[in-house]
Amino acid sequence: MVAKEILKMKINSKNLEIPKILRVGKIKNTINITMEHLKIASDNYVAFTFFIGTMAMMAASVFFFFELNTTSKKWRTSVLVSGLITFIAAVHYYYMRGYNLETGESPTFFRYVDWILTVPLMCVEFYLITKKAGAKISLLWKLIFASLVMLITGYLGETILRNNSVMWGVISGAAYFYIVYLIWFGEVAKLSQAAGPQVAKATKVLGWFVLVGWAIYPLGYILGTPGGLFGIQLVSDPTAAAHSMDIVYNIADAINKIGFGLVIYSLSRTEE
């Protein structure tokens, strides 16, 4: 009987050790997985800027949505659109970061999907803030159409029809400069002056975002396509240049989209 009890105790003690070993193994695996994620975060600057972009856009969206209740009715739609712009961008940036981590490639398709949704909304802001000065619906469609032409032709030249990237780049650039013209010298500029000094000031600041901030994107197109600048290849490795431009794109996106919204938010406070 004593021998049986001793044998039983030994078996039980061994059985108790097995889960302990398993727990140690799980802890080691967890540490290894955590260290691997830390390695990715510290080494992959493109993925890091995607992560920062996601968090910045989401934070801006929360801010704009929460401020709707304290915004006067005439500016509520403008602030809502600002929140939608950053929210859409945050969702896309989350997926773009995952794509980049899994493939190591630039998420060009997802980026253009984001732009084709958010850039026309940014153009809508110009219509909304000049509406009280008599902006017509035709101005809205001009801005939206020009932004879509700019983006669709840019996508064709950067992905599907890269051999004719110069031609598509010229068309995209023409649409971009048409938007710049409308904002600085055309209908938007004239209407903003009639809408009052605060609207005129806000329109000018937004105009600088378009003129300077949006100019980063054509630069990335030139560096990342085989056609370069009218056939002149400015870099030896366009693929590597396009990959590096992802960092610039991410920073520019955050500044342009959040900056747009903050200008609109500031206008809604000064015009109350």
C-alpha atoms as a PDB file:
ATOM      1  CA  MET A   1       0.000   0.000   0.000  1.00  0.00           C
ATOM      2  CA  VAL A   2       2.805   2.417   0.902  1.00  0.00           C
ATOM      3  CA  ALA A   3       4.582   1.656  -2.360  1.00  0.00           C
ATOM      4  CA  LYS A   4       1.384   2.329  -4.301  1.00  0.00           C
ATOM      5  CA  GLU A   5       0.862   5.697  -2.572  1.00  0.00           C
ATOM      6  CA  ILE A   6       4.458   6.732  -3.284  1.00  0.00           C
ATOM      7  CA  LEU A   7       4.075   5.727  -6.958  1.00  0.00           C
ATOM      8  CA  LYS A   8       0.770   7.626  -7.168  1.00  0.00           C
ATOM      9  CA  MET A   9       2.366  10.770  -5.702  1.00  0.00           C
ATOM     10  CA  LYS A  10       5.214  10.605  -8.232  1.00  0.00           C
ATOM     11  CA  ILE A  11       2.780  10.287 -11.139  1.00  0.00           C
ATOM     12  CA  ASN A  12       0.711  13.200  -9.843  1.00  0.00           C
ATOM     13  CA  SER A  13       3.803  15.363  -9.418  1.00  0.00           C
ATOM     14  CA  LYS A  14       4.868  14.629 -12.983  1.00  0.00           C
ATOM     15  CA  ASN A  15       1.402  15.473 -14.253  1.00  0.00           C
ATOM     16  CA  LEU A  16       1.531  18.761 -12.385  1.00  0.00           C
ATOM     17  CA  GLU A  17       4.861  19.639 -14.036  1.00  0.00           C
ATOM     18  CA  ILE A  18       3.542  19.285 -17.569  1.00  0.00           C
ATOM     19  CA  PRO A  19       1.237  22.316 -17.490  1.00  0.00           C
ATOM     20  CA  LYS A  20       4.039  24.307 -15.862  1.00  0.00           C
ATOM     21  CA  ILE A  21       6.357  23.489 -18.772  1.00  0.00           C
ATOM     22  CA  LEU A  22       3.631  24.381 -21.235  1.00  0.00           C
ATOM     23  CA  ARG A  23       3.062  27.705 -19.482  1.00  0.00           C
ATOM     24  CA  VAL A  24       6.770  28.526 -19.694  1.00  0.00           C
ATOM     25  CA  GLY A  25       6.731  27.646 -23.390  1.00  0.00           C
ATOM     26  CA  LYS A  26       3.747  29.899 -23.996  1.00  0.00           C
ATOM     27  CA  ILE A  27       5.457  32.767 -22.163  1.00  0.00           C
ATOM     28  CA  LYS A  28       8.587  32.340 -24.285  1.00  0.00           C
ATOM     29  CA  ASN A  29       6.523  32.290 -27.484  1.00  0.00           C
ATOM     30  CA  THR A  30       4.657  35.420 -26.379  1.00  0.00           C
ATOM     31  CA  ILE A  31       7.939  37.191 -25.689  1.00  0.00           C
ATOM     32  CA  ASN A  32       9.298  36.136 -29.093  1.00  0.00           C
ATOM     33  CA  ILE A  33       6.141  37.371 -30.881  1.00  0.00           C
ATOM     34  CA  THR A  34       6.266  40.666 -28.972  1.00  0.00           C
ATOM     35  CA  MET A  35       9.948  41.168 -29.794  1.00  0.00           C
ATOM     36  CA  GLU A  36       9.191  40.426 -33.455  1.00  0.00           C
ATOM     37  CA  HIS A  37       6.522  43.147 -33.521  1.00  0.00           C
ATOM     38  CA  LEU A  38       8.928  45.534 -31.810  1.00  0.00           C
ATOM     39  CA  LYS A  39      11.535  44.732 -34.455  1.00  0.00           C
ATOM     40  CA  ILE A  40       9.064  45.504 -37.264  1.00  0.00           C
ATOM     41  CA  ALA A  41       7.996  48.755 -35.644  1.00  0.00           C
ATOM     42  CA  SER A  42      11.570  49.967 -35.140  1.00  0.00           C
ATOM     43  CA  ASP A  43      12.952  48.904 -38.524  1.00  0.00           C
ATOM     44  CA  ASN A  44      10.104  49.601 -40.927  1.00  0.00           C
ATOM     45  CA  TYR A  45       9.733  53.360 -41.072  1.00  0.00           C
ATOM     46  CA  VAL A  46       7.100  53.145 -43.793  1.00  0.00           C
ATOM     47  CA  ALA A  47       4.884  50.946 -41.601  1.00  0.00           C
ATOM     48  CA  PHE A  48       5.585  53.224 -38.652  1.00  0.00           C
ATOM     49  CA  THR A  49       4.355  56.292 -40.545  1.00  0.00           C
ATOM     50  CA  PHE A  50       1.274  54.317 -41.607  1.00  0.00           C
ATOM     51  CA  PHE A  51       0.610  53.588 -37.927  1.00  0.00           C
ATOM     52  CA  ILE A  52       1.116  57.229 -36.917  1.00  0.00           C
ATOM     53  CA  GLY A  53      -1.103  58.301 -39.814  1.00  0.00           C
ATOM     54  CA  THR A  54      -3.867  55.932 -38.704  1.00  0.00           C
ATOM     55  CA  MET A  55      -3.824  57.179 -35.122  1.00  0.00           C
ATOM     56  CA  ALA A  56      -3.587  60.861 -36.112  1.00  0.00           C
ATOM     57  CA  MET A  57      -6.490  60.597 -38.576  1.00  0.00           C
ATOM     58  CA  MET A  58      -8.658  58.693 -36.102  1.00  0.00           C
ATOM     59  CA  ALA A  59      -7.937  61.195 -33.319  1.00  0.00           C
ATOM     60  CA  ALA A  60      -8.843  64.067 -35.651  1.00  0.00           C
ATOM     61  CA  SER A  61     -12.088  62.308 -36.621  1.00  0.00           C
ATOM     62  CA  VAL A  62     -13.103  61.873 -32.993  1.00  0.00           C
ATOM     63  CA  PHE A  63     -12.369  65.544 -32.351  1.00  0.00           C
ATOM     64  CA  PHE A  64     -14.393  66.804 -35.333  1.00  0.00           C
ATOM     65  CA  PHE A  65     -17.357  64.511 -34.616  1.00  0.00           C
ATOM     66  CA  PHE A  66     -17.436  65.442 -30.926  1.00  0.00           C
ATOM     67  CA  GLU A  67     -17.346  69.145 -31.778  1.00  0.00           C
ATOM     68  CA  LEU A  68     -20.400  68.948 -34.041  1.00  0.00           C
ATOM     69  CA  ASN A  69     -22.806  69.606 -31.169  1.00  0.00           C
ATOM     70  CA  THR A  70     -21.018  72.841 -30.277  1.00  0.00           C
ATOM     71  CA  THR A  71     -20.794  74.039 -33.896  1.00  0.00           C
ATOM     72  CA  SER A  72     -23.288  76.510 -35.289  1.00  0.00           C
ATOM     73  CA  LYS A  73     -25.772  75.056 -37.760  1.00  0.00           C
ATOM     74  CA  LYS A  74     -24.435  76.883 -40.822  1.00  0.00           C
ATOM     75  CA  TRP A  75     -20.947  75.342 -40.374  1.00  0.00           C
ATOM     76  CA  ARG A  76     -21.996  71.917 -39.105  1.00  0.00           C
ATOM     77  CA  THR A  77     -21.906  70.261 -42.534  1.00  0.00           C
ATOM     78  CA  SER A  78     -18.388  71.583 -43.190  1.00  0.00           C
ATOM     79  CA  VAL A  79     -17.064  70.223 -39.884  1.00  0.00           C
ATOM     80  CA  LEU A  80     -18.876  66.924 -40.526  1.00  0.00           C
ATOM     81  CA  VAL A  81     -17.172  66.600 -43.917  1.00  0.00           C
ATOM     82  CA  SER A  82     -13.809  67.286 -42.234  1.00  0.00           C
ATOM     83  CA  GLY A  83     -14.487  64.408 -39.846  1.00  0.00           C
ATOM     84  CA  LEU A  84     -15.510  62.104 -42.701  1.00  0.00           C
ATOM     85  CA  ILE A  85     -12.309  62.903 -44.603  1.00  0.00           C
ATOM     86  CA  THR A  86     -10.043  61.950 -41.700  1.00  0.00           C
ATOM     87  CA  PHE A  87     -12.186  58.927 -40.745  1.00  0.00           C
ATOM     88  CA  ILE A  88     -12.057  57.470 -44.275  1.00  0.00           C
ATOM     89  CA  ALA A  89      -8.303  58.069 -44.332  1.00  0.00           C
ATOM     90  CA  ALA A  90      -7.844  56.381 -40.932  1.00  0.00           C
ATOM     91  CA  VAL A  91      -9.619  53.212 -42.121  1.00  0.00           C
ATOM     92  CA  HIS A  92      -7.557  53.051 -45.307  1.00  0.00           C
ATOM     93  CA  TYR A  93      -4.324  53.729 -43.456  1.00  0.00           C
ATOM     94  CA  TYR A  94      -5.058  50.799 -41.154  1.00  0.00           C
ATOM     95  CA  TYR A  95      -5.336  48.472 -44.157  1.00  0.00           C
ATOM     96  CA  MET A  96      -2.375  50.069 -45.950  1.00  0.00           C
ATOM     97  CA  ARG A  97      -0.140  49.424 -42.947  1.00  0.00           C
ATOM     98  CA  GLY A  98      -1.197  45.765 -42.871  1.00  0.00           C
ATOM     99  CA  TYR A  99      -0.570  45.409 -46.609  1.00  0.00           C
ATOM    100  CA  ASN A 100       2.873  46.966 -46.320  1.00  0.00           C
ATOM    101  CA  LEU A 101       3.847  44.711 -43.404  1.00  0.00           C
ATOM    102  CA  GLU A 102       2.695  41.552 -45.200  1.00  0.00           C
ATOM    103  CA  THR A 103       4.135  42.262 -48.653  1.00  0.00           C
ATOM    104  CA  GLY A 104       6.794  44.930 -48.155  1.00  0.00           C
ATOM    105  CA  GLU A 105       5.311  46.747 -51.158  1.00  0.00           C
ATOM    106  CA  SER A 106       3.783  50.182 -51.565  1.00  0.00           C
ATOM    107  CA  PRO A 107      -0.035  49.986 -51.206  1.00  0.00           C
ATOM    108  CA  THR A 108      -0.650  52.077 -54.324  1.00  0.00           C
ATOM    109  CA  PHE A 109      -4.133  50.699 -55.025  1.00  0.00           C
ATOM    110  CA  PHE A 110      -5.402  51.325 -51.487  1.00  0.00           C
ATOM    111  CA  ARG A 111      -3.846  54.784 -51.478  1.00  0.00           C
ATOM    112  CA  TYR A 112      -5.682  55.795 -54.640  1.00  0.00           C
ATOM    113  CA  VAL A 113      -8.950  54.368 -53.278  1.00  0.00           C
ATOM    114  CA  ASP A 114      -8.433  56.626 -50.255  1.00  0.00           C
ATOM    115  CA  TRP A 115      -7.626  59.647 -52.410  1.00  0.00           C
ATOM    116  CA  ILE A 116     -10.559  59.112 -54.777  1.00  0.00           C
ATOM    117  CA  LEU A 117     -12.886  59.333 -51.773  1.00  0.00           C
ATOM    118  CA  THR A 118     -11.211  62.031 -49.683  1.00  0.00           C
ATOM    119  CA  VAL A 119      -9.827  64.491 -52.260  1.00  0.00           C
ATOM    120  CA  PRO A 120     -13.244  65.260 -53.819  1.00  0.00           C
ATOM    121  CA  LEU A 121     -14.566  65.786 -50.280  1.00  0.00           C
ATOM    122  CA  MET A 122     -11.756  68.261 -49.668  1.00  0.00           C
ATOM    123  CA  CYS A 123     -12.871  70.085 -52.827  1.00  0.00           C
ATOM    124  CA  VAL A 124     -16.443  70.058 -51.516  1.00  0.00           C
ATOM    125  CA  GLU A 125     -15.242  72.161 -48.579  1.00  0.00           C
ATOM    126  CA  PHE A 126     -14.534  75.079 -50.923  1.00  0.00           C
ATOM    127  CA  TYR A 127     -18.110  74.953 -52.180  1.00  0.00           C
ATOM    128  CA  LEU A 128     -19.555  74.749 -48.669  1.00  0.00           C
ATOM    129  CA  ILE A 129     -17.661  77.728 -47.271  1.00  0.00           C
ATOM    130  CA  THR A 130     -18.486  79.952 -50.282  1.00  0.00           C
ATOM    131  CA  LYS A 131     -22.103  78.809 -50.575  1.00  0.00           C
ATOM    132  CA  LYS A 132     -23.448  81.722 -48.566  1.00  0.00           C
ATOM    133  CA  ALA A 133     -21.775  84.114 -51.045  1.00  0.00           C
ATOM    134  CA  GLY A 134     -23.714  82.569 -53.923  1.00  0.00           C
ATOM    135  CA  ALA A 135     -21.615  79.555 -54.972  1.00  0.00           C
ATOM    136  CA  LYS A 136     -23.580  77.493 -57.479  1.00  0.00           C
ATOM    137  CA  ILE A 137     -23.787  73.726 -57.733  1.00  0.00           C
ATOM    138  CA  SER A 138     -21.869  73.949 -61.024  1.00  0.00           C
ATOM    139  CA  LEU A 139     -18.763  75.022 -59.067  1.00  0.00           C
ATOM    140  CA  LEU A 140     -19.079  71.923 -56.902  1.00  0.00           C
ATOM    141  CA  TRP A 141     -19.204  69.637 -59.942  1.00  0.00           C
ATOM    142  CA  LYS A 142     -16.250  71.423 -61.568  1.00  0.00           C
ATOM    143  CA  LEU A 143     -14.103  70.800 -58.493  1.00  0.00           C
ATOM    144  CA  ILE A 144     -15.205  67.180 -58.100  1.00  0.00           C
ATOM    145  CA  PHE A 145     -14.752  66.395 -61.804  1.00  0.00           C
ATOM    146  CA  ALA A 146     -11.280  67.948 -61.920  1.00  0.00           C
ATOM    147  CA  SER A 147     -10.199  66.041 -58.796  1.00  0.00           C
ATOM    148  CA  LEU A 148     -11.438  62.730 -60.241  1.00  0.00           C
ATOM    149  CA  VAL A 149      -9.627  63.349 -63.543  1.00  0.00           C
ATOM    150  CA  MET A 150      -6.461  64.199 -61.606  1.00  0.00           C
ATOM    151  CA  LEU A 151      -6.635  60.968 -59.583  1.00  0.00           C
ATOM    152  CA  ILE A 152      -7.829  58.499 -62.219  1.00  0.00           C
ATOM    153  CA  THR A 153      -5.231  59.566 -64.789  1.00  0.00           C
ATOM    154  CA  GLY A 154      -2.581  59.555 -62.060  1.00  0.00           C
ATOM    155  CA  TYR A 155      -3.486  55.993 -61.136  1.00  0.00           C
ATOM    156  CA  LEU A 156      -3.377  54.857 -64.771  1.00  0.00           C
ATOM    157  CA  GLY A 157       0.063  56.353 -65.269  1.00  0.00           C
ATOM    158  CA  GLU A 158       1.439  54.993 -62.010  1.00  0.00           C
ATOM    159  CA  THR A 159       0.122  51.424 -62.262  1.00  0.00           C
ATOM    160  CA  ILE A 160      -1.644  50.142 -65.399  1.00  0.00           C
ATOM    161  CA  LEU A 161      -0.125  52.245 -68.215  1.00  0.00           C
ATOM    162  CA  ARG A 162       3.328  52.981 -66.823  1.00  0.00           C
ATOM    163  CA  ASN A 163       4.911  53.054 -70.284  1.00  0.00           C
ATOM    164  CA  ASN A 164       2.836  56.171 -71.029  1.00  0.00           C
ATOM    165  CA  SER A 165       3.285  57.687 -67.572  1.00  0.00           C
ATOM    166  CA  VAL A 166       4.362  61.060 -68.985  1.00  0.00           C
ATOM    167  CA  MET A 167       1.149  61.528 -70.975  1.00  0.00           C
ATOM    168  CA  TRP A 168      -1.086  60.512 -68.057  1.00  0.00           C
ATOM    169  CA  GLY A 169       0.986  62.633 -65.703  1.00  0.00           C
ATOM    170  CA  VAL A 170       0.492  65.711 -67.910  1.00  0.00           C
ATOM    171  CA  ILE A 171      -3.295  65.182 -67.954  1.00  0.00           C
ATOM    172  CA  SER A 172      -3.338  64.674 -64.182  1.00  0.00           C
ATOM    173  CA  GLY A 173      -1.203  67.781 -63.696  1.00  0.00           C
ATOM    174  CA  ALA A 174      -3.497  69.855 -65.916  1.00  0.00           C
ATOM    175  CA  ALA A 175      -6.491  68.890 -63.765  1.00  0.00           C
ATOM    176  CA  TYR A 176      -4.509  69.791 -60.635  1.00  0.00           C
ATOM    177  CA  PHE A 177      -3.589  73.247 -61.967  1.00  0.00           C
ATOM    178  CA  TYR A 178      -7.208  73.817 -62.975  1.00  0.00           C
ATOM    179  CA  ILE A 179      -8.215  73.280 -59.331  1.00  0.00           C
ATOM    180  CA  VAL A 180      -5.449  75.661 -58.248  1.00  0.00           C
ATOM    181  CA  TYR A 181      -6.709  78.253 -60.743  1.00  0.00           C
ATOM    182  CA  LEU A 182     -10.302  78.013 -59.463  1.00  0.00           C
ATOM    183  CA  ILE A 183      -9.148  78.469 -55.874  1.00  0.00           C
ATOM    184  CA  TRP A 184      -6.632  81.263 -56.371  1.00  0.00           C
ATOM    185  CA  PHE A 185      -8.005  83.226 -59.337  1.00  0.00           C
ATOM    186  CA  GLY A 186     -11.358  81.745 -60.387  1.00  0.00           C
ATOM    187  CA  GLU A 187     -14.813  81.390 -58.901  1.00  0.00           C
ATOM    188  CA  VAL A 188     -13.681  80.236 -55.453  1.00  0.00           C
ATOM    189  CA  ALA A 189     -11.387  83.241 -55.004  1.00  0.00           C
ATOM    190  CA  LYS A 190     -14.060  85.746 -56.091  1.00  0.00           C
ATOM    191  CA  LEU A 191     -16.797  84.157 -53.973  1.00  0.00           C
ATOM    192  CA  SER A 192     -14.594  84.001 -50.885  1.00  0.00           C
ATOM    193  CA  GLN A 193     -13.970  87.746 -51.087  1.00  0.00           C
ATOM    194  CA  ALA A 194     -17.727  88.353 -51.238  1.00  0.00           C
ATOM    195  CA  ALA A 195     -18.351  85.995 -48.310  1.00  0.00           C
ATOM    196  CA  GLY A 196     -16.419  88.135 -45.836  1.00  0.00           C
ATOM    197  CA  PRO A 197     -12.871  88.569 -44.480  1.00  0.00           C
ATOM    198  CA  GLN A 198     -12.879  85.397 -42.351  1.00  0.00           C
ATOM    199  CA  VAL A 199     -13.976  83.174 -45.237  1.00  0.00           C
ATOM    200  CA  ALA A 200     -11.474  84.886 -47.546  1.00  0.00           C
ATOM    201  CA  LYS A 201      -8.690  84.248 -45.029  1.00  0.00           C
ATOM    202  CA  ALA A 202      -9.660  80.600 -44.577  1.00  0.00           C
ATOM    203  CA  THR A 203      -9.893  80.079 -48.340  1.00  0.00           C
ATOM    204  CA  LYS A 204      -6.412  81.491 -48.791  1.00  0.00           C
ATOM    205  CA  VAL A 205      -4.980  79.135 -46.163  1.00  0.00           C
ATOM    206  CA  LEU A 206      -6.756  76.186 -47.790  1.00  0.00           C
ATOM    207  CA  GLY A 207      -5.418  77.392 -51.126  1.00  0.00           C
ATOM    208  CA  TRP A 208      -1.874  77.126 -49.793  1.00  0.00           C
ATOM    209  CA  PHE A 209      -2.594  73.548 -48.729  1.00  0.00           C
ATOM    210  CA  VAL A 210      -3.627  72.774 -52.304  1.00  0.00           C
ATOM    211  CA  LEU A 211      -0.770  74.671 -53.958  1.00  0.00           C
ATOM    212  CA  VAL A 212       2.059  73.482 -51.704  1.00  0.00           C
ATOM    213  CA  GLY A 213       0.724  70.453 -49.829  1.00  0.00           C
ATOM    214  CA  TRP A 214      -0.796  68.739 -52.841  1.00  0.00           C
ATOM    215  CA  ALA A 215       2.326  69.437 -54.932  1.00  0.00           C
ATOM    216  CA  ILE A 216       4.084  66.646 -53.009  1.00  0.00           C
ATOM    217  CA  TYR A 217       1.959  64.045 -54.795  1.00  0.00           C
ATOM    218  CA  PRO A 218       3.043  64.959 -58.354  1.00  0.00           C
ATOM    219  CA  LEU A 219       6.635  64.849 -57.072  1.00  0.00           C
ATOM    220  CA  GLY A 220       6.103  61.290 -55.865  1.00  0.00           C
ATOM    221  CA  TYR A 221       4.574  60.429 -59.237  1.00  0.00           C
ATOM    222  CA  ILE A 222       7.595  61.818 -61.100  1.00  0.00           C
ATOM    223  CA  LEU A 223      10.072  59.954 -58.903  1.00  0.00           C
ATOM    224  CA  GLY A 224       8.139  56.676 -58.919  1.00  0.00           C
ATOM    225  CA  THR A 225       7.315  56.260 -62.620  1.00  0.00           C
ATOM    226  CA  PRO A 226       9.662  55.236 -65.456  1.00  0.00           C
ATOM    227  CA  GLY A 227       8.774  58.350 -67.483  1.00  0.00           C
ATOM    228  CA  GLY A 228      10.173  60.635 -64.805  1.00  0.00           C
ATOM    229  CA  LEU A 229       9.981  64.339 -65.625  1.00  0.00           C
ATOM    230  CA  PHE A 230       9.011  64.504 -69.338  1.00  0.00           C
ATOM    231  CA  GLY A 231      11.150  61.457 -70.085  1.00  0.00           C
ATOM    232  CA  ILE A 232      14.063  62.468 -67.846  1.00  0.00           C
ATOM    233  CA  GLN A 233      14.638  59.838 -65.164  1.00  0.00           C
ATOM    234  CA  LEU A 234      15.562  61.731 -61.995  1.00  0.00           C
ATOM    235  CA  VAL A 235      16.411  58.635 -59.934  1.00  0.00           C
ATOM    236  CA  SER A 236      18.235  55.407 -60.792  1.00  0.00           C
ATOM    237  CA  ASP A 237      15.696  53.137 -59.067  1.00  0.00           C
ATOM    238  CA  PRO A 238      12.080  54.359 -59.433  1.00  0.00           C
ATOM    239  CA  THR A 239      10.722  51.445 -57.365  1.00  0.00           C
ATOM    240  CA  ALA A 240      12.958  52.281 -54.400  1.00  0.00           C
ATOM    241  CA  ALA A 241      12.142  55.968 -54.806  1.00  0.00           C
ATOM    242  CA  ALA A 242       8.396  55.230 -54.823  1.00  0.00           C
ATOM    243  CA  HIS A 243       8.824  53.124 -51.678  1.00  0.00           C
ATOM    244  CA  SER A 244      10.650  55.971 -49.946  1.00  0.00           C
ATOM    245  CA  MET A 245       8.003  58.421 -51.080  1.00  0.00           C
ATOM    246  CA  ASP A 246       5.450  56.442 -49.043  1.00  0.00           C
ATOM    247  CA  ILE A 247       6.895  58.108 -45.955  1.00  0.00           C
ATOM    248  CA  VAL A 248       6.517  61.550 -47.542  1.00  0.00           C
ATOM    249  CA  TYR A 249       2.997  60.682 -48.730  1.00  0.00           C
ATOM    250  CA  ASN A 250       1.968  59.560 -45.245  1.00  0.00           C
ATOM    251  CA  ILE A 251       3.237  62.721 -43.591  1.00  0.00           C
ATOM    252  CA  ALA A 252       1.725  64.918 -46.311  1.00  0.00           C
ATOM    253  CA  ASP A 253      -1.643  63.146 -46.055  1.00  0.00           C
ATOM    254  CA  ALA A 254      -1.826  63.709 -42.311  1.00  0.00           C
ATOM    255  CA  ILE A 255      -0.865  67.384 -42.608  1.00  0.00           C
ATOM    256  CA  ASN A 256      -3.179  68.106 -45.550  1.00  0.00           C
ATOM    257  CA  LYS A 257      -6.280  66.263 -44.353  1.00  0.00           C
ATOM    258  CA  ILE A 258      -6.075  67.209 -40.684  1.00  0.00           C
ATOM    259  CA  GLY A 259      -4.913  70.735 -41.555  1.00  0.00           C
ATOM    260  CA  PHE A 260      -7.887  71.200 -43.891  1.00  0.00           C
ATOM    261  CA  GLY A 261     -10.245  70.180 -41.119  1.00  0.00           C
ATOM    262  CA  LEU A 262      -8.633  72.446 -38.542  1.00  0.00           C
ATOM    263  CA  VAL A 263      -8.915  75.455 -40.852  1.00  0.00           C
ATOM    264  CA  ILE A 264     -12.624  74.713 -41.339  1.00  0.00           C
ATOM    265  CA  TYR A 265     -13.070  74.203 -37.600  1.00  0.00           C
ATOM    266  CA  SER A 266     -11.319  77.512 -36.869  1.00  0.00           C
ATOM    267  CA  LEU A 267     -13.548  79.266 -39.413  1.00  0.00           C
ATOM    268  CA  SER A 268     -16.655  77.822 -37.755  1.00  0.00           C
ATOM    269  CA  ARG A 269     -15.557  79.412 -34.470  1.00  0.00           C
ATOM    270  CA  THR A 270     -14.643  82.850 -35.816  1.00  0.00           C
ATOM    271  CA  GLU A 271     -17.874  83.108 -37.841  1.00  0.00           C
ATOM    272  CA  GLU A 272     -20.225  82.140 -34.971  1.00  0.00           C
END
